[in-house]
């Protein structure tokens, strides 16, 4: 589904990714762990097409397409979803309107008919219910006045409505208490653990992986993948840290 080959990327004049190679198949969940400054968030931003992140070498193929040749909205329409470490607030824009416009824009990009208001609300209600979120919250401005846990639940509702093929989740566990972590983990499994989908889960800590068990864990350090293993590698990193691994 996703093939990254020898990817190099700069932020300004500073090289961040320095020859990263990684492949994800449909049906797989991959976790990326690594120390601060290793390039984890940069990888997510590069894949989603965020301005200011310049690819200087390498290639990325997503579902048979040259991902780097697509504009950000084209990447979304192709099936890519980016979850943020710190979901932004958008005052004056209701969740319902934002999500309906987002979904219909993607459907248009795929040549599909837009959903009516009633059709969309049926999907939104189901996703909100699955995340234990009151439908009234979807009528509020996007993330405005939400707690950290509510923002992450809202993001899971967004992901369920958009229904992407590939979810890149950047530290989705950040700021979550134990109960919220379980709910978010269950949401990821419900929406994305399917044979035609894949997840790239960027995290500092092993705790989310208790709920979303990865097929592979990769260590990203110095702008490249330095080690790959199974779920047990996350436990090793939690126990020994990155310095011991490097030593």
C-alpha atoms as a PDB file:
ATOM      1  CA  UNK A   1       0.000   0.000   0.000  1.00  0.00           C
ATOM      2  CA  UNK A   2       2.757   2.465   0.991  1.00  0.00           C
ATOM      3  CA  UNK A   3       6.365   2.200  -0.128  1.00  0.00           C
ATOM      4  CA  UNK A   4       8.949   4.744   1.008  1.00  0.00           C
ATOM      5  CA  UNK A   5      12.356   4.407  -0.612  1.00  0.00           C
ATOM      6  CA  UNK A   6      15.477   6.303   0.506  1.00  0.00           C
ATOM      7  CA  UNK A   7      13.478   9.379   1.530  1.00  0.00           C
ATOM      8  CA  UNK A   8      15.406  12.561   2.332  1.00  0.00           C
ATOM      9  CA  UNK A   9      13.644  15.722   3.510  1.00  0.00           C
ATOM     10  CA  UNK A  10      14.596  19.142   4.854  1.00  0.00           C
ATOM     11  CA  UNK A  11      12.820  21.656   7.040  1.00  0.00           C
ATOM     12  CA  UNK A  12      14.281  24.946   5.863  1.00  0.00           C
ATOM     13  CA  UNK A  13      17.971  24.247   5.378  1.00  0.00           C
ATOM     14  CA  UNK A  14      18.086  21.509   8.013  1.00  0.00           C
ATOM     15  CA  UNK A  15      18.095  17.868   6.854  1.00  0.00           C
ATOM     16  CA  UNK A  16      15.693  15.803   8.972  1.00  0.00           C
ATOM     17  CA  UNK A  17      14.994  12.598   7.055  1.00  0.00           C
ATOM     18  CA  UNK A  18      18.207  11.026   5.793  1.00  0.00           C
ATOM     19  CA  UNK A  19      17.466   7.942   3.746  1.00  0.00           C
ATOM     20  CA  UNK A  20      14.311   6.512   5.322  1.00  0.00           C
ATOM     21  CA  UNK A  21      12.998   3.307   3.768  1.00  0.00           C
ATOM     22  CA  UNK A  22       9.768   1.645   4.880  1.00  0.00           C
ATOM     23  CA  UNK A  23       6.927  -0.441   3.379  1.00  0.00           C
ATOM     24  CA  UNK A  24       3.390  -0.984   4.687  1.00  0.00           C
ATOM     25  CA  UNK A  25       1.076  -3.626   3.282  1.00  0.00           C
ATOM     26  CA  UNK A  26      -2.708  -3.535   3.484  1.00  0.00           C
ATOM     27  CA  UNK A  27      -3.932  -5.083   6.723  1.00  0.00           C
ATOM     28  CA  UNK A  28      -0.854  -4.032   8.718  1.00  0.00           C
ATOM     29  CA  UNK A  29      -0.307  -1.688  11.646  1.00  0.00           C
ATOM     30  CA  UNK A  30       3.197  -0.265  11.999  1.00  0.00           C
ATOM     31  CA  UNK A  31       4.420   1.727  15.002  1.00  0.00           C
ATOM     32  CA  UNK A  32       7.261   4.221  14.715  1.00  0.00           C
ATOM     33  CA  UNK A  33       9.129   5.082  17.900  1.00  0.00           C
ATOM     34  CA  UNK A  34      12.216   7.164  18.472  1.00  0.00           C
ATOM     35  CA  UNK A  35      13.801   9.961  20.517  1.00  0.00           C
ATOM     36  CA  UNK A  36      12.842  13.617  20.223  1.00  0.00           C
ATOM     37  CA  UNK A  37      14.107  15.200  17.017  1.00  0.00           C
ATOM     38  CA  UNK A  38      14.468  11.875  15.208  1.00  0.00           C
ATOM     39  CA  UNK A  39      12.087  12.884  12.407  1.00  0.00           C
ATOM     40  CA  UNK A  40       8.874  11.076  13.385  1.00  0.00           C
ATOM     41  CA  UNK A  41       6.487  14.018  12.977  1.00  0.00           C
ATOM     42  CA  UNK A  42       8.432  15.207   9.927  1.00  0.00           C
ATOM     43  CA  UNK A  43       7.693  11.876   8.259  1.00  0.00           C
ATOM     44  CA  UNK A  44       3.971  12.343   8.849  1.00  0.00           C
ATOM     45  CA  UNK A  45       4.035  15.903   7.528  1.00  0.00           C
ATOM     46  CA  UNK A  46       6.013  14.941   4.439  1.00  0.00           C
ATOM     47  CA  UNK A  47       3.607  12.123   3.616  1.00  0.00           C
ATOM     48  CA  UNK A  48       0.598  14.421   4.036  1.00  0.00           C
ATOM     49  CA  UNK A  49       2.158  17.226   1.949  1.00  0.00           C
ATOM     50  CA  UNK A  50       2.486  19.935   4.599  1.00  0.00           C
ATOM     51  CA  UNK A  51       4.118  23.106   3.189  1.00  0.00           C
ATOM     52  CA  UNK A  52       7.637  23.851   4.390  1.00  0.00           C
ATOM     53  CA  UNK A  53       8.825  20.257   4.243  1.00  0.00           C
ATOM     54  CA  UNK A  54      11.015  19.761   1.179  1.00  0.00           C
ATOM     55  CA  UNK A  55      11.757  16.311  -0.217  1.00  0.00           C
ATOM     56  CA  UNK A  56      15.300  16.341  -1.608  1.00  0.00           C
ATOM     57  CA  UNK A  57      15.652  12.689  -2.629  1.00  0.00           C
ATOM     58  CA  UNK A  58      13.824   9.395  -2.665  1.00  0.00           C
ATOM     59  CA  UNK A  59      10.319   8.313  -3.606  1.00  0.00           C
ATOM     60  CA  UNK A  60       6.973   7.472  -2.008  1.00  0.00           C
ATOM     61  CA  UNK A  61       4.354   5.302  -3.687  1.00  0.00           C
ATOM     62  CA  UNK A  62       0.838   5.043  -2.264  1.00  0.00           C
ATOM     63  CA  UNK A  63      -1.624   2.575  -3.769  1.00  0.00           C
ATOM     64  CA  UNK A  64       0.318   2.616  -7.015  1.00  0.00           C
ATOM     65  CA  UNK A  65       0.532   6.416  -7.269  1.00  0.00           C
ATOM     66  CA  UNK A  66       3.468   8.766  -6.859  1.00  0.00           C
ATOM     67  CA  UNK A  67       2.381  10.317  -3.576  1.00  0.00           C
ATOM     68  CA  UNK A  68       4.863  13.175  -3.747  1.00  0.00           C
ATOM     69  CA  UNK A  69       3.376  14.347  -7.054  1.00  0.00           C
ATOM     70  CA  UNK A  70      -0.053  14.870  -5.454  1.00  0.00           C
ATOM     71  CA  UNK A  71      -1.314  18.015  -3.743  1.00  0.00           C
ATOM     72  CA  UNK A  72      -2.396  17.579  -0.091  1.00  0.00           C
ATOM     73  CA  UNK A  73      -6.123  17.449  -0.972  1.00  0.00           C
ATOM     74  CA  UNK A  74      -5.382  14.859  -3.674  1.00  0.00           C
ATOM     75  CA  UNK A  75      -3.539  12.713  -1.130  1.00  0.00           C
ATOM     76  CA  UNK A  76      -6.580  12.894   1.145  1.00  0.00           C
ATOM     77  CA  UNK A  77      -8.914  11.930  -1.704  1.00  0.00           C
ATOM     78  CA  UNK A  78      -6.583   9.014  -2.517  1.00  0.00           C
ATOM     79  CA  UNK A  79      -7.211   7.677   0.996  1.00  0.00           C
ATOM     80  CA  UNK A  80      -4.588   9.198   3.310  1.00  0.00           C
ATOM     81  CA  UNK A  81      -5.544  10.578   6.744  1.00  0.00           C
ATOM     82  CA  UNK A  82      -3.243  12.463   9.138  1.00  0.00           C
ATOM     83  CA  UNK A  83      -4.086  12.586  12.837  1.00  0.00           C
ATOM     84  CA  UNK A  84      -2.394  15.419  14.716  1.00  0.00           C
ATOM     85  CA  UNK A  85      -0.555  15.361  18.024  1.00  0.00           C
ATOM     86  CA  UNK A  86      -2.305  18.633  18.866  1.00  0.00           C
ATOM     87  CA  UNK A  87      -5.618  18.886  16.943  1.00  0.00           C
ATOM     88  CA  UNK A  88      -6.269  22.513  16.050  1.00  0.00           C
ATOM     89  CA  UNK A  89      -9.294  24.593  17.040  1.00  0.00           C
ATOM     90  CA  UNK A  90     -11.316  26.228  14.263  1.00  0.00           C
ATOM     91  CA  UNK A  91     -13.602  28.876  15.768  1.00  0.00           C
ATOM     92  CA  UNK A  92     -16.785  29.631  13.857  1.00  0.00           C
ATOM     93  CA  UNK A  93     -16.807  26.343  11.906  1.00  0.00           C
ATOM     94  CA  UNK A  94     -19.067  23.579  13.202  1.00  0.00           C
ATOM     95  CA  UNK A  95     -17.808  20.023  13.330  1.00  0.00           C
ATOM     96  CA  UNK A  96     -20.767  18.815  11.281  1.00  0.00           C
ATOM     97  CA  UNK A  97     -20.243  21.320   8.492  1.00  0.00           C
ATOM     98  CA  UNK A  98     -16.466  20.816   8.462  1.00  0.00           C
ATOM     99  CA  UNK A  99     -16.757  17.047   8.250  1.00  0.00           C
ATOM    100  CA  UNK A 100     -19.516  17.017   5.652  1.00  0.00           C
ATOM    101  CA  UNK A 101     -17.575  19.404   3.401  1.00  0.00           C
ATOM    102  CA  UNK A 102     -14.384  17.387   3.913  1.00  0.00           C
ATOM    103  CA  UNK A 103     -16.045  14.082   3.076  1.00  0.00           C
ATOM    104  CA  UNK A 104     -17.906  15.423   0.043  1.00  0.00           C
ATOM    105  CA  UNK A 105     -14.741  17.099  -1.274  1.00  0.00           C
ATOM    106  CA  UNK A 106     -12.978  13.748  -1.111  1.00  0.00           C
ATOM    107  CA  UNK A 107     -15.916  11.962  -2.721  1.00  0.00           C
ATOM    108  CA  UNK A 108     -15.864  14.529  -5.539  1.00  0.00           C
ATOM    109  CA  UNK A 109     -12.131  13.922  -6.020  1.00  0.00           C
ATOM    110  CA  UNK A 110     -12.886  10.212  -6.419  1.00  0.00           C
ATOM    111  CA  UNK A 111     -15.745  10.841  -8.838  1.00  0.00           C
ATOM    112  CA  UNK A 112     -18.413   9.876  -6.302  1.00  0.00           C
ATOM    113  CA  UNK A 113     -21.718  11.657  -5.647  1.00  0.00           C
ATOM    114  CA  UNK A 114     -21.919  13.935  -2.590  1.00  0.00           C
ATOM    115  CA  UNK A 115     -23.870  12.798   0.460  1.00  0.00           C
ATOM    116  CA  UNK A 116     -27.067  14.604   1.398  1.00  0.00           C
ATOM    117  CA  UNK A 117     -27.380  16.163   4.829  1.00  0.00           C
ATOM    118  CA  UNK A 118     -29.506  13.261   6.057  1.00  0.00           C
ATOM    119  CA  UNK A 119     -27.104  10.645   4.693  1.00  0.00           C
ATOM    120  CA  UNK A 120     -24.152  12.375   6.301  1.00  0.00           C
ATOM    121  CA  UNK A 121     -25.850  12.799   9.689  1.00  0.00           C
ATOM    122  CA  UNK A 122     -26.629   9.071   9.792  1.00  0.00           C
ATOM    123  CA  UNK A 123     -22.907   8.298   9.412  1.00  0.00           C
ATOM    124  CA  UNK A 124     -21.875  11.039  11.866  1.00  0.00           C
ATOM    125  CA  UNK A 125     -24.312   9.846  14.546  1.00  0.00           C
ATOM    126  CA  UNK A 126     -23.071   6.258  14.225  1.00  0.00           C
ATOM    127  CA  UNK A 127     -19.409   7.266  14.504  1.00  0.00           C
ATOM    128  CA  UNK A 128     -20.036   9.595  17.439  1.00  0.00           C
ATOM    129  CA  UNK A 129     -21.999   6.866  19.225  1.00  0.00           C
ATOM    130  CA  UNK A 130     -19.203   4.338  18.690  1.00  0.00           C
ATOM    131  CA  UNK A 131     -16.755   6.776  20.328  1.00  0.00           C
ATOM    132  CA  UNK A 132     -19.084   7.568  23.231  1.00  0.00           C
ATOM    133  CA  UNK A 133     -19.405  11.144  22.026  1.00  0.00           C
ATOM    134  CA  UNK A 134     -22.629  13.171  22.235  1.00  0.00           C
ATOM    135  CA  UNK A 135     -23.857  14.169  18.772  1.00  0.00           C
ATOM    136  CA  UNK A 136     -24.387  17.681  20.158  1.00  0.00           C
ATOM    137  CA  UNK A 137     -20.597  18.064  20.364  1.00  0.00           C
ATOM    138  CA  UNK A 138     -20.434  17.733  16.602  1.00  0.00           C
ATOM    139  CA  UNK A 139     -22.539  20.871  16.324  1.00  0.00           C
ATOM    140  CA  UNK A 140     -19.943  22.886  18.232  1.00  0.00           C
ATOM    141  CA  UNK A 141     -17.002  24.678  16.550  1.00  0.00           C
ATOM    142  CA  UNK A 142     -14.196  22.256  15.671  1.00  0.00           C
ATOM    143  CA  UNK A 143     -12.318  21.379  18.887  1.00  0.00           C
ATOM    144  CA  UNK A 144     -13.170  24.733  20.538  1.00  0.00           C
ATOM    145  CA  UNK A 145     -13.458  24.247  24.297  1.00  0.00           C
ATOM    146  CA  UNK A 146     -12.712  20.527  24.021  1.00  0.00           C
ATOM    147  CA  UNK A 147     -10.459  18.806  26.541  1.00  0.00           C
ATOM    148  CA  UNK A 148      -7.419  16.928  25.266  1.00  0.00           C
ATOM    149  CA  UNK A 149      -9.299  13.636  25.432  1.00  0.00           C
ATOM    150  CA  UNK A 150     -12.350  15.090  23.680  1.00  0.00           C
ATOM    151  CA  UNK A 151     -10.161  16.412  20.855  1.00  0.00           C
ATOM    152  CA  UNK A 152      -8.695  12.961  20.306  1.00  0.00           C
ATOM    153  CA  UNK A 153     -12.132  11.325  20.406  1.00  0.00           C
ATOM    154  CA  UNK A 154     -13.321  13.921  17.911  1.00  0.00           C
ATOM    155  CA  UNK A 155     -10.388  13.051  15.681  1.00  0.00           C
ATOM    156  CA  UNK A 156     -11.368   9.379  15.824  1.00  0.00           C
ATOM    157  CA  UNK A 157     -14.915  10.375  14.796  1.00  0.00           C
ATOM    158  CA  UNK A 158     -13.404  12.332  11.906  1.00  0.00           C
ATOM    159  CA  UNK A 159     -11.347   9.315  10.884  1.00  0.00           C
ATOM    160  CA  UNK A 160     -14.391   7.046  11.059  1.00  0.00           C
ATOM    161  CA  UNK A 161     -16.423   9.388   8.864  1.00  0.00           C
ATOM    162  CA  UNK A 162     -13.632   9.911   6.313  1.00  0.00           C
ATOM    163  CA  UNK A 163     -12.874   6.152   6.330  1.00  0.00           C
ATOM    164  CA  UNK A 164      -9.314   6.365   4.938  1.00  0.00           C
ATOM    165  CA  UNK A 165      -7.214   3.562   3.507  1.00  0.00           C
ATOM    166  CA  UNK A 166      -4.095   4.716   5.391  1.00  0.00           C
ATOM    167  CA  UNK A 167      -4.087   6.533   8.724  1.00  0.00           C
ATOM    168  CA  UNK A 168      -0.920   8.291   9.872  1.00  0.00           C
ATOM    169  CA  UNK A 169      -1.473   9.006  13.558  1.00  0.00           C
ATOM    170  CA  UNK A 170       1.062  11.365  15.118  1.00  0.00           C
ATOM    171  CA  UNK A 171       1.232  10.757  18.878  1.00  0.00           C
ATOM    172  CA  UNK A 172      -2.485  10.155  19.199  1.00  0.00           C
ATOM    173  CA  UNK A 173      -1.839   9.041  22.802  1.00  0.00           C
ATOM    174  CA  UNK A 174      -0.486  12.471  23.800  1.00  0.00           C
ATOM    175  CA  UNK A 175      -2.422  13.986  26.707  1.00  0.00           C
ATOM    176  CA  UNK A 176      -4.764  11.023  27.208  1.00  0.00           C
ATOM    177  CA  UNK A 177      -5.652   9.502  30.560  1.00  0.00           C
ATOM    178  CA  UNK A 178      -6.074   5.745  30.946  1.00  0.00           C
ATOM    179  CA  UNK A 179      -9.780   5.674  30.104  1.00  0.00           C
ATOM    180  CA  UNK A 180      -9.424   7.951  27.058  1.00  0.00           C
ATOM    181  CA  UNK A 181      -6.441   5.921  25.872  1.00  0.00           C
ATOM    182  CA  UNK A 182      -8.550   2.766  25.884  1.00  0.00           C
ATOM    183  CA  UNK A 183     -11.404   4.450  24.011  1.00  0.00           C
ATOM    184  CA  UNK A 184      -9.067   5.867  21.364  1.00  0.00           C
ATOM    185  CA  UNK A 185      -7.256   2.549  21.010  1.00  0.00           C
ATOM    186  CA  UNK A 186     -10.577   0.749  20.539  1.00  0.00           C
ATOM    187  CA  UNK A 187     -11.541   3.359  17.916  1.00  0.00           C
ATOM    188  CA  UNK A 188      -8.364   2.783  15.925  1.00  0.00           C
ATOM    189  CA  UNK A 189      -8.936  -0.969  15.969  1.00  0.00           C
ATOM    190  CA  UNK A 190     -12.609  -0.660  14.999  1.00  0.00           C
ATOM    191  CA  UNK A 191     -12.027   1.726  12.100  1.00  0.00           C
ATOM    192  CA  UNK A 192      -8.640   0.689  10.738  1.00  0.00           C
ATOM    193  CA  UNK A 193      -7.905  -2.932  11.646  1.00  0.00           C
ATOM    194  CA  UNK A 194      -9.218  -4.277   8.359  1.00  0.00           C
ATOM    195  CA  UNK A 195      -7.597  -6.205   5.489  1.00  0.00           C
ATOM    196  CA  UNK A 196      -7.829  -3.260   3.064  1.00  0.00           C
ATOM    197  CA  UNK A 197      -6.441  -0.616   5.449  1.00  0.00           C
ATOM    198  CA  UNK A 198      -3.136   0.222   7.130  1.00  0.00           C
ATOM    199  CA  UNK A 199      -1.925   2.380  10.012  1.00  0.00           C
ATOM    200  CA  UNK A 200       1.348   4.193  10.653  1.00  0.00           C
ATOM    201  CA  UNK A 201       1.277   4.925  14.375  1.00  0.00           C
ATOM    202  CA  UNK A 202       3.861   7.458  15.581  1.00  0.00           C
ATOM    203  CA  UNK A 203       4.386   7.340  19.340  1.00  0.00           C
ATOM    204  CA  UNK A 204       6.915   7.942  22.101  1.00  0.00           C
ATOM    205  CA  UNK A 205       5.466   5.384  24.465  1.00  0.00           C
ATOM    206  CA  UNK A 206       4.488   1.736  24.540  1.00  0.00           C
ATOM    207  CA  UNK A 207       1.210   2.293  26.406  1.00  0.00           C
ATOM    208  CA  UNK A 208      -1.013   2.819  23.330  1.00  0.00           C
ATOM    209  CA  UNK A 209       0.380  -0.391  21.877  1.00  0.00           C
ATOM    210  CA  UNK A 210      -1.289  -2.315  24.722  1.00  0.00           C
ATOM    211  CA  UNK A 211      -4.575  -1.485  22.965  1.00  0.00           C
ATOM    212  CA  UNK A 212      -3.437  -1.251  19.327  1.00  0.00           C
ATOM    213  CA  UNK A 213      -1.045  -4.145  18.903  1.00  0.00           C
ATOM    214  CA  UNK A 214       1.275  -3.448  15.954  1.00  0.00           C
ATOM    215  CA  UNK A 215       2.499  -5.969  13.451  1.00  0.00           C
ATOM    216  CA  UNK A 216       5.846  -4.176  13.326  1.00  0.00           C
ATOM    217  CA  UNK A 217       7.679  -1.645  15.499  1.00  0.00           C
ATOM    218  CA  UNK A 218      10.361   0.532  13.912  1.00  0.00           C
ATOM    219  CA  UNK A 219      12.951   2.717  15.596  1.00  0.00           C
ATOM    220  CA  UNK A 220      13.498   6.007  13.795  1.00  0.00           C
ATOM    221  CA  UNK A 221      16.722   7.701  14.833  1.00  0.00           C
ATOM    222  CA  UNK A 222      18.861  10.227  13.007  1.00  0.00           C
ATOM    223  CA  UNK A 223      16.391  10.472  10.140  1.00  0.00           C
ATOM    224  CA  UNK A 224      16.312   6.786   9.192  1.00  0.00           C
ATOM    225  CA  UNK A 225      14.935   3.453  10.398  1.00  0.00           C
ATOM    226  CA  UNK A 226      17.643   1.850  12.518  1.00  0.00           C
ATOM    227  CA  UNK A 227      15.836  -1.227  13.818  1.00  0.00           C
ATOM    228  CA  UNK A 228      12.627  -3.185  13.187  1.00  0.00           C
ATOM    229  CA  UNK A 229      10.942  -5.794  15.330  1.00  0.00           C
ATOM    230  CA  UNK A 230       7.635  -7.009  16.644  1.00  0.00           C
ATOM    231  CA  UNK A 231       5.534  -5.644  19.491  1.00  0.00           C
ATOM    232  CA  UNK A 232       8.166  -6.852  21.958  1.00  0.00           C
ATOM    233  CA  UNK A 233      10.579  -4.204  20.660  1.00  0.00           C
ATOM    234  CA  UNK A 234       8.336  -1.490  22.119  1.00  0.00           C
ATOM    235  CA  UNK A 235       8.593  -3.165  25.536  1.00  0.00           C
ATOM    236  CA  UNK A 236      12.367  -3.264  25.191  1.00  0.00           C
ATOM    237  CA  UNK A 237      12.479   0.433  24.384  1.00  0.00           C
ATOM    238  CA  UNK A 238      10.168   1.218  27.304  1.00  0.00           C
ATOM    239  CA  UNK A 239      12.466  -0.727  29.615  1.00  0.00           C
ATOM    240  CA  UNK A 240      15.903   0.257  28.341  1.00  0.00           C
ATOM    241  CA  UNK A 241      15.387   3.520  26.461  1.00  0.00           C
ATOM    242  CA  UNK A 242      16.962   4.663  23.221  1.00  0.00           C
ATOM    243  CA  UNK A 243      20.447   5.251  24.615  1.00  0.00           C
ATOM    244  CA  UNK A 244      20.810   1.608  25.574  1.00  0.00           C
ATOM    245  CA  UNK A 245      19.593   0.577  22.131  1.00  0.00           C
ATOM    246  CA  UNK A 246      22.136   2.828  20.435  1.00  0.00           C
ATOM    247  CA  UNK A 247      24.900   1.501  22.654  1.00  0.00           C
END
